[in-house]
């Protein structure tokens, strides 16, 4: 009996040691910001990579701070999500490098033009990734993929109230109150139109005429996203939006989002106080990541007092507010608690 007890004790110790050696983050999702300045939250920053425990990696609104498809921070990308067609989200241009002097948001990186294509499409083609979008955006992206050597079928739609599963992640779209015009610089093949200029007939590029008139193309409403990961966590990605009823009825009541990525930039989207009200009164998540602040929000990785980001943090009552410092990976459990990189 003494011999058996010894064996049981040794077995228990070995088993405990083995379990303790297993990675504690095996069931967490990872969120990594890809901003313009390492360790900071700066003016152009939008892009995030969200990674499921099964390894599915989603790039959200690559915008201008992902250094094209060659960006060493990207790694494998399975899905590109774009909330709407504005250049700061889809990427009408991108920074040439992100290795600027750390410690603040100073120093404007050189920009590389991505028109008439976009940073999002270039990345999707290079990574053989899906582009999943709502409204009519998927048709636009399908044409872009086909025109530039990608796979037309890699552009997939997902409508409001519908869902699409990629790997361990279920993706759905939710309404966002925001314009969704396509800049004419992204549109190819419109040719020239004969017009009379000072009594003479001239051929002028149609895109220039429409741009001069202040018109844009339209590809359906802008969207936000709800992602449901394999650990059960529902994440709301707001995109550019104002306050909407769906933030309560759909995002909170139906999907039960416990982690939110909330745009706070004001003027074109919710400001810091409005965004905090959405968090406090409508969605009521466990954690929220500030996004799209349109400012130099940090210095040496610390929030600068008096910024919009600072105001948002102070106005948010119950949720943990996290600042997306470029390159710093945050990890979240299945109920929205930040358990690493906080």
Protein backbone atom coordinates (compact mmCIF):
# COMPACT_ATOMS: atom_id res chain seq x y z
CA UNK A 1 0.00 0.00 0.00
CA UNK A 2 2.86 2.35 0.89
CA UNK A 3 4.42 1.56 -2.53
CA UNK A 4 1.13 2.36 -4.32
CA UNK A 5 0.74 5.63 -2.42
CA UNK A 6 4.27 6.62 -3.46
CA UNK A 7 3.50 5.84 -7.10
CA UNK A 8 0.26 7.86 -6.92
CA UNK A 9 2.06 10.79 -5.32
CA UNK A 10 4.84 10.77 -7.93
CA UNK A 11 2.28 10.44 -10.73
CA UNK A 12 0.27 13.37 -9.38
CA UNK A 13 3.40 15.53 -9.10
CA UNK A 14 4.50 14.68 -12.65
CA UNK A 15 0.99 15.29 -14.00
CA UNK A 16 0.77 18.65 -12.22
CA UNK A 17 4.20 19.64 -13.53
CA UNK A 18 3.17 18.65 -17.08
CA UNK A 19 -0.06 20.65 -16.91
CA UNK A 20 1.77 23.62 -15.43
CA UNK A 21 4.19 23.52 -18.35
CA UNK A 22 1.38 23.79 -20.90
CA UNK A 23 0.86 27.27 -22.37
CA UNK A 24 -1.63 29.19 -20.23
CA UNK A 25 -2.83 31.16 -23.25
CA UNK A 26 -3.94 28.19 -25.35
CA UNK A 27 -7.58 29.32 -25.34
CA UNK A 28 -7.04 33.08 -25.54
CA UNK A 29 -7.49 35.27 -28.59
CA UNK A 30 -4.65 37.61 -29.49
CA UNK A 31 -5.03 41.20 -30.69
CA UNK A 32 -1.98 42.96 -32.15
CA UNK A 33 -2.10 46.60 -33.33
CA UNK A 34 -0.09 47.45 -36.46
CA UNK A 35 0.51 51.18 -36.13
CA UNK A 36 2.99 53.61 -37.66
CA UNK A 37 5.28 53.96 -34.62
CA UNK A 38 6.33 50.95 -32.56
CA UNK A 39 5.04 51.06 -28.98
CA UNK A 40 2.79 54.09 -29.58
CA UNK A 41 -0.81 54.94 -30.55
CA UNK A 42 -0.61 57.53 -33.33
CA UNK A 43 -2.70 59.55 -35.77
CA UNK A 44 -2.99 57.09 -38.68
CA UNK A 45 -3.41 53.93 -36.59
CA UNK A 46 -6.36 51.68 -37.48
CA UNK A 47 -5.05 48.19 -38.28
CA UNK A 48 -5.33 45.20 -35.95
CA UNK A 49 -4.61 41.50 -36.30
CA UNK A 50 -7.00 39.26 -34.36
CA UNK A 51 -5.88 35.66 -33.94
CA UNK A 52 -8.10 32.75 -32.92
CA UNK A 53 -6.75 29.98 -30.65
CA UNK A 54 -6.83 27.68 -33.70
CA UNK A 55 -4.42 30.00 -35.57
CA UNK A 56 -6.93 31.77 -37.86
CA UNK A 57 -5.61 35.31 -38.37
CA UNK A 58 -7.80 38.25 -39.35
CA UNK A 59 -6.51 41.65 -40.51
CA UNK A 60 -8.96 44.43 -39.66
CA UNK A 61 -8.95 47.71 -41.65
CA UNK A 62 -5.31 47.61 -42.84
CA UNK A 63 -5.46 51.30 -43.79
CA UNK A 64 -2.20 53.18 -44.19
CA UNK A 65 -0.01 51.80 -41.40
CA UNK A 66 0.54 48.29 -42.73
CA UNK A 67 3.68 48.39 -44.89
CA UNK A 68 1.98 46.63 -47.78
CA UNK A 69 2.14 42.87 -48.16
CA UNK A 70 5.85 42.86 -47.29
CA UNK A 71 5.19 44.06 -43.73
CA UNK A 72 7.11 41.63 -41.51
CA UNK A 73 4.48 41.99 -38.79
CA UNK A 74 1.75 40.39 -40.89
CA UNK A 75 2.73 36.73 -41.03
CA UNK A 76 -0.06 34.46 -42.21
CA UNK A 77 -3.33 36.27 -42.96
CA UNK A 78 -6.50 34.28 -43.60
CA UNK A 79 -9.06 37.09 -43.81
CA UNK A 80 -8.99 40.82 -44.53
CA UNK A 81 -11.93 42.81 -43.13
CA UNK A 82 -12.75 46.30 -44.43
CA UNK A 83 -15.48 48.36 -42.79
CA UNK A 84 -15.81 50.89 -45.60
CA UNK A 85 -14.01 52.30 -48.63
CA UNK A 86 -12.40 55.43 -47.21
CA UNK A 87 -8.67 55.56 -47.83
CA UNK A 88 -7.65 55.53 -44.17
CA UNK A 89 -9.38 52.13 -43.77
CA UNK A 90 -8.97 50.35 -47.10
CA UNK A 91 -5.56 51.88 -47.76
CA UNK A 92 -5.28 54.34 -50.62
CA UNK A 93 -1.62 54.57 -49.59
CA UNK A 94 0.67 53.02 -47.01
CA UNK A 95 3.71 53.97 -44.99
CA UNK A 96 7.05 52.88 -46.43
CA UNK A 97 8.44 51.79 -43.06
CA UNK A 98 7.33 51.57 -39.43
CA UNK A 99 10.79 51.53 -37.83
CA UNK A 100 10.77 55.14 -36.70
CA UNK A 101 12.42 56.42 -33.54
CA UNK A 102 10.46 54.98 -30.60
CA UNK A 103 9.16 57.09 -27.75
CA UNK A 104 6.59 59.29 -29.46
CA UNK A 105 4.53 59.77 -32.62
CA UNK A 106 6.92 62.30 -34.17
CA UNK A 107 8.30 61.80 -37.63
CA UNK A 108 6.06 61.44 -40.66
CA UNK A 109 6.89 58.24 -42.53
CA UNK A 110 7.13 58.34 -46.31
CA UNK A 111 3.95 57.22 -48.04
CA UNK A 112 3.57 54.81 -50.98
CA UNK A 113 0.59 55.32 -53.31
CA UNK A 114 -1.71 52.28 -53.66
CA UNK A 115 -4.16 53.72 -56.21
CA UNK A 116 -5.96 52.64 -58.29
CA UNK A 117 -5.57 49.47 -56.28
CA UNK A 118 -5.64 49.42 -52.46
CA UNK A 119 -3.43 48.24 -49.63
CA UNK A 120 -6.17 45.79 -48.59
CA UNK A 121 -6.32 44.15 -52.02
CA UNK A 122 -2.54 44.01 -52.42
CA UNK A 123 -2.23 42.24 -49.08
CA UNK A 124 -5.08 39.83 -49.86
CA UNK A 125 -3.49 38.86 -53.18
CA UNK A 126 -0.02 38.35 -51.71
CA UNK A 127 -1.35 36.33 -48.76
CA UNK A 128 -4.03 34.48 -50.77
CA UNK A 129 -6.44 35.70 -48.11
CA UNK A 130 -10.19 36.10 -48.25
CA UNK A 131 -11.73 39.56 -48.23
CA UNK A 132 -14.99 39.35 -46.28
CA UNK A 133 -17.25 42.42 -46.39
CA UNK A 134 -20.86 43.50 -46.12
CA UNK A 135 -23.23 45.39 -48.48
CA UNK A 136 -22.03 45.66 -52.10
CA UNK A 137 -18.37 46.06 -51.22
CA UNK A 138 -17.63 42.43 -52.05
CA UNK A 139 -18.42 43.04 -55.74
CA UNK A 140 -15.94 45.91 -55.87
CA UNK A 141 -13.23 43.79 -54.23
CA UNK A 142 -13.97 40.80 -56.48
CA UNK A 143 -13.36 42.99 -59.53
CA UNK A 144 -10.14 44.35 -58.02
CA UNK A 145 -8.83 40.88 -57.23
CA UNK A 146 -9.59 39.68 -60.75
CA UNK A 147 -7.99 42.76 -62.35
CA UNK A 148 -4.75 42.44 -60.39
CA UNK A 149 -4.00 38.73 -60.56
CA UNK A 150 -5.89 37.53 -57.51
CA UNK A 151 -8.81 35.16 -57.17
CA UNK A 152 -12.18 36.76 -57.79
CA UNK A 153 -13.84 34.10 -55.63
CA UNK A 154 -11.76 35.20 -52.61
CA UNK A 155 -14.08 38.19 -52.12
CA UNK A 156 -16.99 36.95 -50.02
CA UNK A 157 -20.13 38.75 -48.81
CA UNK A 158 -21.72 38.47 -45.40
CA UNK A 159 -24.99 40.34 -44.83
CA UNK A 160 -26.60 41.81 -41.73
CA UNK A 161 -27.99 38.94 -39.67
CA UNK A 162 -26.06 36.40 -41.72
CA UNK A 163 -22.73 34.81 -40.84
CA UNK A 164 -19.74 33.17 -42.46
CA UNK A 165 -17.24 30.91 -40.70
CA UNK A 166 -13.54 30.95 -41.54
CA UNK A 167 -11.44 28.57 -39.48
CA UNK A 168 -12.58 28.93 -35.90
CA UNK A 169 -14.06 32.40 -36.36
CA UNK A 170 -17.68 33.22 -37.20
CA UNK A 171 -18.00 36.60 -38.96
CA UNK A 172 -21.10 38.75 -39.24
CA UNK A 173 -21.73 42.38 -40.15
CA UNK A 174 -23.67 44.97 -38.18
CA UNK A 175 -24.82 48.45 -39.28
CA UNK A 176 -22.53 51.45 -39.04
CA UNK A 177 -23.81 54.99 -39.55
CA UNK A 178 -21.19 56.48 -41.86
CA UNK A 179 -20.67 57.40 -45.54
CA UNK A 180 -19.18 54.78 -47.84
CA UNK A 181 -18.15 56.59 -50.99
CA UNK A 182 -15.41 55.21 -53.24
CA UNK A 183 -12.78 57.71 -54.29
CA UNK A 184 -12.58 57.93 -58.07
CA UNK A 185 -8.87 57.28 -57.85
CA UNK A 186 -9.72 53.65 -57.02
CA UNK A 187 -11.85 53.16 -60.14
CA UNK A 188 -10.29 51.96 -63.38
CA UNK A 189 -11.41 51.83 -66.99
CA UNK A 190 -13.87 54.74 -67.16
CA UNK A 191 -12.01 56.35 -70.07
CA UNK A 192 -12.64 59.85 -71.40
CA UNK A 193 -15.77 61.86 -72.08
CA UNK A 194 -16.17 64.59 -74.69
CA UNK A 195 -17.00 67.93 -73.07
CA UNK A 196 -17.07 71.54 -74.24
CA UNK A 197 -14.35 73.63 -72.61
CA UNK A 198 -14.32 77.32 -73.53
CA UNK A 199 -16.23 76.63 -76.72
CA UNK A 200 -14.03 73.73 -77.80
CA UNK A 201 -14.69 70.00 -77.63
CA UNK A 202 -12.13 68.23 -75.48
CA UNK A 203 -11.81 64.72 -74.11
CA UNK A 204 -11.50 64.70 -70.35
CA UNK A 205 -11.14 61.69 -68.07
CA UNK A 206 -14.57 60.91 -66.62
CA UNK A 207 -13.13 60.34 -63.17
CA UNK A 208 -11.76 63.89 -63.16
CA UNK A 209 -15.15 65.30 -64.10
CA UNK A 210 -16.94 63.40 -61.36
CA UNK A 211 -14.27 64.27 -58.81
CA UNK A 212 -14.48 67.95 -59.73
CA UNK A 213 -18.24 67.78 -59.16
CA UNK A 214 -17.67 66.40 -55.66
CA UNK A 215 -19.24 63.03 -56.45
CA UNK A 216 -18.15 59.57 -55.32
CA UNK A 217 -19.19 56.04 -56.22
CA UNK A 218 -21.32 54.09 -53.75
CA UNK A 219 -20.97 50.45 -52.74
CA UNK A 220 -23.68 50.11 -50.11
CA UNK A 221 -23.68 51.08 -46.44
CA UNK A 222 -20.63 51.01 -44.21
CA UNK A 223 -20.48 48.18 -41.70
CA UNK A 224 -19.11 47.08 -38.38
CA UNK A 225 -18.35 43.46 -37.55
CA UNK A 226 -19.01 40.97 -34.79
CA UNK A 227 -16.50 38.12 -34.63
CA UNK A 228 -17.20 35.04 -32.52
CA UNK A 229 -14.01 33.14 -31.74
CA UNK A 230 -13.58 29.46 -30.95
CA UNK A 231 -13.12 30.22 -27.23
CA UNK A 232 -16.63 31.73 -27.23
CA UNK A 233 -15.58 35.38 -27.11
CA UNK A 234 -17.73 37.78 -29.18
CA UNK A 235 -15.85 40.88 -30.35
CA UNK A 236 -17.50 44.01 -31.80
CA UNK A 237 -15.45 46.02 -34.31
CA UNK A 238 -17.28 49.33 -34.61
CA UNK A 239 -15.71 50.76 -37.76
CA UNK A 240 -16.54 54.42 -38.34
CA UNK A 241 -19.97 54.95 -36.85
CA UNK A 242 -22.15 57.17 -34.76
CA UNK A 243 -24.41 55.91 -31.99
CA UNK A 244 -26.80 53.22 -33.27
CA UNK A 245 -29.68 51.30 -31.74
CA UNK A 246 -28.06 48.08 -32.97
CA UNK A 247 -25.22 48.58 -30.51
CA UNK A 248 -27.74 47.64 -27.84
CA UNK A 249 -30.15 45.27 -29.59
CA UNK A 250 -27.76 43.39 -31.87
CA UNK A 251 -24.26 43.78 -30.45
CA UNK A 252 -25.13 43.43 -26.75
CA UNK A 253 -28.44 41.60 -26.55
CA UNK A 254 -28.08 39.15 -29.42
CA UNK A 255 -24.34 38.56 -29.83
CA UNK A 256 -23.30 39.42 -26.27
CA UNK A 257 -20.04 41.14 -27.22
CA UNK A 258 -17.61 41.28 -24.29
CA UNK A 259 -14.70 42.91 -26.13
CA UNK A 260 -15.16 46.04 -28.23
CA UNK A 261 -12.85 47.93 -30.60
CA UNK A 262 -14.36 51.42 -30.53
CA UNK A 263 -13.60 54.36 -32.82
CA UNK A 264 -13.30 57.59 -30.81
CA UNK A 265 -11.93 60.15 -33.29
CA UNK A 266 -14.86 62.61 -33.37
CA UNK A 267 -15.88 64.78 -36.35
CA UNK A 268 -16.37 61.79 -38.68
CA UNK A 269 -17.17 59.13 -36.08
CA UNK A 270 -18.16 58.92 -32.41
CA UNK A 271 -16.19 61.30 -30.21
CA UNK A 272 -14.64 60.15 -26.95
CA UNK A 273 -17.66 61.03 -24.78
CA UNK A 274 -20.18 59.56 -27.22
CA UNK A 275 -18.07 56.42 -27.56
CA UNK A 276 -17.86 56.10 -23.78
CA UNK A 277 -21.66 56.39 -23.56
CA UNK A 278 -22.00 53.55 -26.09
CA UNK A 279 -19.73 51.43 -23.90
CA UNK A 280 -21.34 52.43 -20.59
CA UNK A 281 -25.01 52.34 -21.56
CA UNK A 282 -25.46 50.22 -24.69
CA UNK A 283 -22.89 47.44 -25.08
CA UNK A 284 -21.52 47.12 -21.53
CA UNK A 285 -18.52 44.94 -22.43
CA UNK A 286 -15.79 43.71 -20.11
CA UNK A 287 -12.97 45.35 -22.12
CA UNK A 288 -12.69 47.98 -24.84
CA UNK A 289 -9.79 48.90 -27.14
CA UNK A 290 -9.71 52.54 -28.22
CA UNK A 291 -9.28 53.02 -31.97
CA UNK A 292 -9.17 55.66 -34.70
CA UNK A 293 -8.35 58.53 -32.31
CA UNK A 294 -6.87 60.72 -35.08
CA UNK A 295 -4.19 62.07 -32.77
CA UNK A 296 -0.78 61.45 -31.28
CA UNK A 297 -2.28 59.76 -28.23
CA UNK A 298 0.82 58.48 -26.44
CA UNK A 299 4.41 59.34 -25.57
CA UNK A 300 6.77 56.57 -24.42
CA UNK A 301 3.74 54.30 -24.43
CA UNK A 302 1.79 56.43 -21.95
CA UNK A 303 -1.43 58.30 -22.75
CA UNK A 304 -0.91 62.05 -23.09
CA UNK A 305 -3.18 64.03 -20.70
CA UNK A 306 -5.89 66.06 -22.42
CA UNK A 307 -6.05 63.89 -25.55
CA UNK A 308 -9.26 62.34 -26.85
CA UNK A 309 -7.90 58.98 -25.75
CA UNK A 310 -7.44 60.32 -22.23
CA UNK A 311 -11.01 61.71 -22.26
CA UNK A 312 -12.38 58.35 -23.42
CA UNK A 313 -10.58 56.49 -20.66
CA UNK A 314 -11.88 58.88 -18.01
CA UNK A 315 -15.47 58.79 -19.33
CA UNK A 316 -15.66 54.98 -19.50
CA UNK A 317 -17.05 53.68 -16.20
CA UNK A 318 -17.08 49.89 -15.96
CA UNK A 319 -15.12 48.39 -18.88
CA UNK A 320 -11.34 48.14 -18.88
CA UNK A 321 -10.02 50.57 -21.51
CA UNK A 322 -6.94 49.41 -23.42
CA UNK A 323 -4.73 51.56 -25.63
CA UNK A 324 -3.51 49.82 -28.83
CA UNK A 325 0.26 50.31 -28.67
CA UNK A 326 1.70 49.23 -32.00
CA UNK A 327 3.33 45.81 -31.82
CA UNK A 328 2.09 45.00 -28.30
CA UNK A 329 -0.08 41.86 -28.36
CA UNK A 330 -3.02 41.74 -25.97
CA UNK A 331 -4.68 38.45 -25.02
CA UNK A 332 -8.29 37.90 -23.99
CA UNK A 333 -10.09 34.97 -22.47
CA UNK A 334 -13.54 33.74 -23.50
CA UNK A 335 -15.42 36.33 -21.44
CA UNK A 336 -13.40 39.40 -22.49
CA UNK A 337 -10.88 39.70 -19.67
CA UNK A 338 -7.48 40.96 -20.76
CA UNK A 339 -5.01 38.40 -19.38
CA UNK A 340 -1.75 39.46 -21.06
CA UNK A 341 -0.27 42.55 -22.73
CA UNK A 342 -2.70 44.79 -20.85
